[in-house]
Structure formats: C-alpha cells, structure tokens
C-alpha cells in the first residue's frame, strides 16, 4: 500500500520534481522524464519514482500512477471493496492513486503522473501516454522500454 513503502535501491535515473510551483507565465506542458525499464521492471521503477517524489517533498495526493499491463496491487486490493470505494479514494485526493490505462480517463489531473508501461497491448500504452500527458500538471514520468514507448508515440520522448 502506498503509505507503507519499503526502501528500495535507486533506479538509474532519479526523477527530480520541481522544487517550487511553476510561475503562472510558465508553459502548460509538463516536464517529461523517461525511466528505462523492462515491462517486468516497469512497475518497480514506477514505485521507486513515487518513493523518490514523496521523499523529495511531493504530497502523496499529488501523484497519479497509470499501468498499461497488470494493475498495481494497491488498485487490485482497493477494487476488491467495490468501484464506489475505489473511486471515493481518488476523489478524496489524500494519497497516491493507482489506476489501469483503461480507467485512467476517469482520473482527474494531478501535478505528477507516473506511467508504468508494464505490458499489455500497444493500444493500452497508446491510450495511456497521451492521456497521462493531459493529466500531468508539472511532471510526467514514463517507466518502460524506450523503444516501445517511442514506437507507440511515434516520436522521441
């Protein structure tokens, strides 16, 4: 569960969140960071990114995590209590919220969005990545295979 994270070894590229909110005149496009990871390691890389964000001062409620393959264990656990309870936690905005790419459109924007390209069909990544960009206020972190991500987006990230 997000509130009970164990320390992990650092990933190769550490996300560096902005230390202060961007000025009003700044561009509306969020910063994009890519953390290379295999589909099997993308969820771990996303968890490490979330840990680093929180350790660096981000509030848990500022972070949305989207998965393209298997759902995050927290999402599976919370969904076991029903859709209403699961989305009520999203609406409360008190903690990191984990969702699947198929349901991510329902998620409200947050300052930081982390996408774990942890498998699933290319259509899931093709749907999740542009959507995540619209949901990220300041920072979008994409964890996955750079070649797959670039081929899905059709551009270099």
Protein backbone atom coordinates (compact mmCIF):
# COMPACT_ATOMS: atom_id res chain seq x y z
CA UNK A 1 0.00 0.00 0.00
CA UNK A 2 1.32 3.49 -0.78
CA UNK A 3 1.67 4.55 2.86
CA UNK A 4 3.83 1.53 3.73
CA UNK A 5 6.66 1.58 1.22
CA UNK A 6 9.92 -0.17 1.99
CA UNK A 7 13.17 1.49 0.89
CA UNK A 8 14.44 0.31 -2.47
CA UNK A 9 17.64 0.63 -4.41
CA UNK A 10 17.73 3.75 -6.54
CA UNK A 11 16.94 3.42 -10.24
CA UNK A 12 19.41 4.67 -12.84
CA UNK A 13 17.60 7.95 -13.47
CA UNK A 14 16.02 9.65 -10.49
CA UNK A 15 13.05 11.91 -11.15
CA UNK A 16 13.67 15.41 -9.94
CA UNK A 17 10.42 17.16 -9.14
CA UNK A 18 10.28 20.93 -9.39
CA UNK A 19 11.21 22.46 -6.04
CA UNK A 20 8.56 25.13 -6.30
CA UNK A 21 5.35 25.55 -8.25
CA UNK A 22 5.88 26.87 -11.75
CA UNK A 23 5.12 30.56 -12.22
CA UNK A 24 1.83 31.40 -13.90
CA UNK A 25 3.61 32.53 -17.06
CA UNK A 26 5.35 29.17 -17.49
CA UNK A 27 4.39 26.75 -20.23
CA UNK A 28 1.44 24.46 -19.55
CA UNK A 29 3.38 21.47 -20.92
CA UNK A 30 4.68 19.27 -18.11
CA UNK A 31 8.28 18.13 -17.91
CA UNK A 32 8.66 14.57 -19.24
CA UNK A 33 11.11 12.06 -17.79
CA UNK A 34 11.75 8.55 -19.08
CA UNK A 35 12.95 5.83 -16.74
CA UNK A 36 14.11 2.91 -18.88
CA UNK A 37 12.74 -0.41 -17.63
CA UNK A 38 11.66 -3.76 -19.00
CA UNK A 39 7.92 -4.49 -18.95
CA UNK A 40 8.61 -6.75 -15.94
CA UNK A 41 10.50 -3.96 -14.15
CA UNK A 42 8.31 -1.00 -15.10
CA UNK A 43 6.07 -1.28 -12.04
CA UNK A 44 9.10 -1.40 -9.71
CA UNK A 45 10.58 1.63 -11.49
CA UNK A 46 7.27 3.47 -11.07
CA UNK A 47 7.20 2.60 -7.36
CA UNK A 48 10.74 3.87 -6.96
CA UNK A 49 9.79 7.10 -8.74
CA UNK A 50 6.82 7.54 -6.39
CA UNK A 51 9.05 6.91 -3.36
CA UNK A 52 11.58 9.48 -4.58
CA UNK A 53 8.85 12.04 -5.28
CA UNK A 54 7.44 11.69 -1.78
CA UNK A 55 10.89 11.71 -0.17
CA UNK A 56 11.65 14.94 -2.06
CA UNK A 57 8.56 16.67 -0.69
CA UNK A 58 5.68 15.84 -3.02
CA UNK A 59 2.43 15.14 -1.22
CA UNK A 60 1.08 11.65 -1.96
CA UNK A 61 -2.19 13.15 -3.19
CA UNK A 62 -0.30 14.95 -5.96
CA UNK A 63 0.63 11.66 -7.69
CA UNK A 64 -1.36 9.52 -10.13
CA UNK A 65 0.08 6.20 -11.33
CA UNK A 66 -1.25 4.56 -14.50
CA UNK A 67 -0.42 0.98 -15.51
CA UNK A 68 -0.74 -0.45 -19.02
CA UNK A 69 -0.48 -4.14 -18.13
CA UNK A 70 -1.29 -5.85 -14.87
CA UNK A 71 -2.94 -3.48 -12.38
CA UNK A 72 -0.93 -2.26 -9.43
CA UNK A 73 -1.52 -4.48 -6.35
CA UNK A 74 -2.94 -1.48 -4.46
CA UNK A 75 -5.56 -0.94 -7.18
CA UNK A 76 -6.49 -4.63 -7.16
CA UNK A 77 -6.84 -4.56 -3.37
CA UNK A 78 -8.94 -1.40 -3.32
CA UNK A 79 -11.17 -2.61 -6.15
CA UNK A 80 -11.96 -5.68 -4.05
CA UNK A 81 -14.07 -3.30 -1.92
CA UNK A 82 -16.01 -2.15 -4.99
CA UNK A 83 -15.79 0.56 -7.62
CA UNK A 84 -17.51 3.19 -5.45
CA UNK A 85 -14.99 2.86 -2.61
CA UNK A 86 -12.08 2.78 -5.05
CA UNK A 87 -13.11 6.00 -6.82
CA UNK A 88 -14.02 7.65 -3.50
CA UNK A 89 -10.33 7.34 -2.58
CA UNK A 90 -9.45 9.02 -5.87
CA UNK A 91 -11.89 11.83 -5.19
CA UNK A 92 -10.52 12.33 -1.66
CA UNK A 93 -7.10 13.08 -3.20
CA UNK A 94 -5.25 12.20 0.01
CA UNK A 95 -2.94 9.52 -1.33
CA UNK A 96 -1.21 8.25 -4.42
CA UNK A 97 -3.89 6.87 -6.73
CA UNK A 98 -3.23 3.85 -8.94
CA UNK A 99 -5.35 3.08 -11.98
CA UNK A 100 -5.31 0.98 -15.10
CA UNK A 101 -4.93 2.59 -18.52
CA UNK A 102 -8.48 1.52 -19.39
CA UNK A 103 -9.93 3.55 -16.50
CA UNK A 104 -7.41 6.41 -16.48
CA UNK A 105 -9.68 8.72 -18.44
CA UNK A 106 -11.86 8.97 -15.34
CA UNK A 107 -8.92 10.17 -13.21
CA UNK A 108 -8.64 13.87 -12.50
CA UNK A 109 -5.40 15.74 -13.28
CA UNK A 110 -2.66 15.73 -10.67
CA UNK A 111 0.65 17.60 -10.59
CA UNK A 112 2.61 14.38 -11.23
CA UNK A 113 1.60 11.39 -13.33
CA UNK A 114 3.70 8.23 -13.46
CA UNK A 115 3.01 5.71 -16.23
CA UNK A 116 4.26 2.15 -15.86
CA UNK A 117 4.39 0.57 -19.33
CA UNK A 118 4.31 -2.86 -17.72
CA UNK A 119 2.97 -4.89 -20.59
CA UNK A 120 -0.47 -5.04 -22.07
CA UNK A 121 -1.29 -4.39 -25.70
CA UNK A 122 0.31 -1.49 -27.57
CA UNK A 123 -3.16 0.07 -27.66
CA UNK A 124 -3.08 0.40 -23.84
CA UNK A 125 0.20 2.33 -23.98
CA UNK A 126 -1.01 4.32 -27.00
CA UNK A 127 -4.08 5.35 -24.97
CA UNK A 128 -2.32 5.88 -21.63
CA UNK A 129 0.63 8.02 -22.70
CA UNK A 130 -1.21 10.90 -24.42
CA UNK A 131 -3.89 10.82 -21.70
CA UNK A 132 -1.23 10.95 -19.00
CA UNK A 133 0.27 14.00 -20.65
CA UNK A 134 -3.09 15.78 -20.36
CA UNK A 135 -3.44 14.72 -16.70
CA UNK A 136 0.07 15.76 -15.60
CA UNK A 137 0.31 19.32 -14.33
CA UNK A 138 4.06 19.64 -13.79
CA UNK A 139 5.74 16.30 -14.39
CA UNK A 140 5.12 13.13 -16.40
CA UNK A 141 7.35 10.15 -15.62
CA UNK A 142 7.18 7.22 -18.03
CA UNK A 143 8.68 3.90 -16.90
CA UNK A 144 9.23 1.33 -19.60
CA UNK A 145 11.13 0.25 -22.67
CA UNK A 146 12.19 3.43 -24.53
CA UNK A 147 11.94 1.76 -27.97
CA UNK A 148 8.39 0.57 -27.28
CA UNK A 149 7.36 3.92 -25.87
CA UNK A 150 8.79 5.82 -28.83
CA UNK A 151 7.21 3.45 -31.35
CA UNK A 152 3.81 3.81 -29.65
CA UNK A 153 4.08 7.59 -29.54
CA UNK A 154 5.74 7.89 -32.91
CA UNK A 155 8.20 10.41 -31.50
CA UNK A 156 11.18 10.60 -29.21
CA UNK A 157 10.48 11.03 -25.52
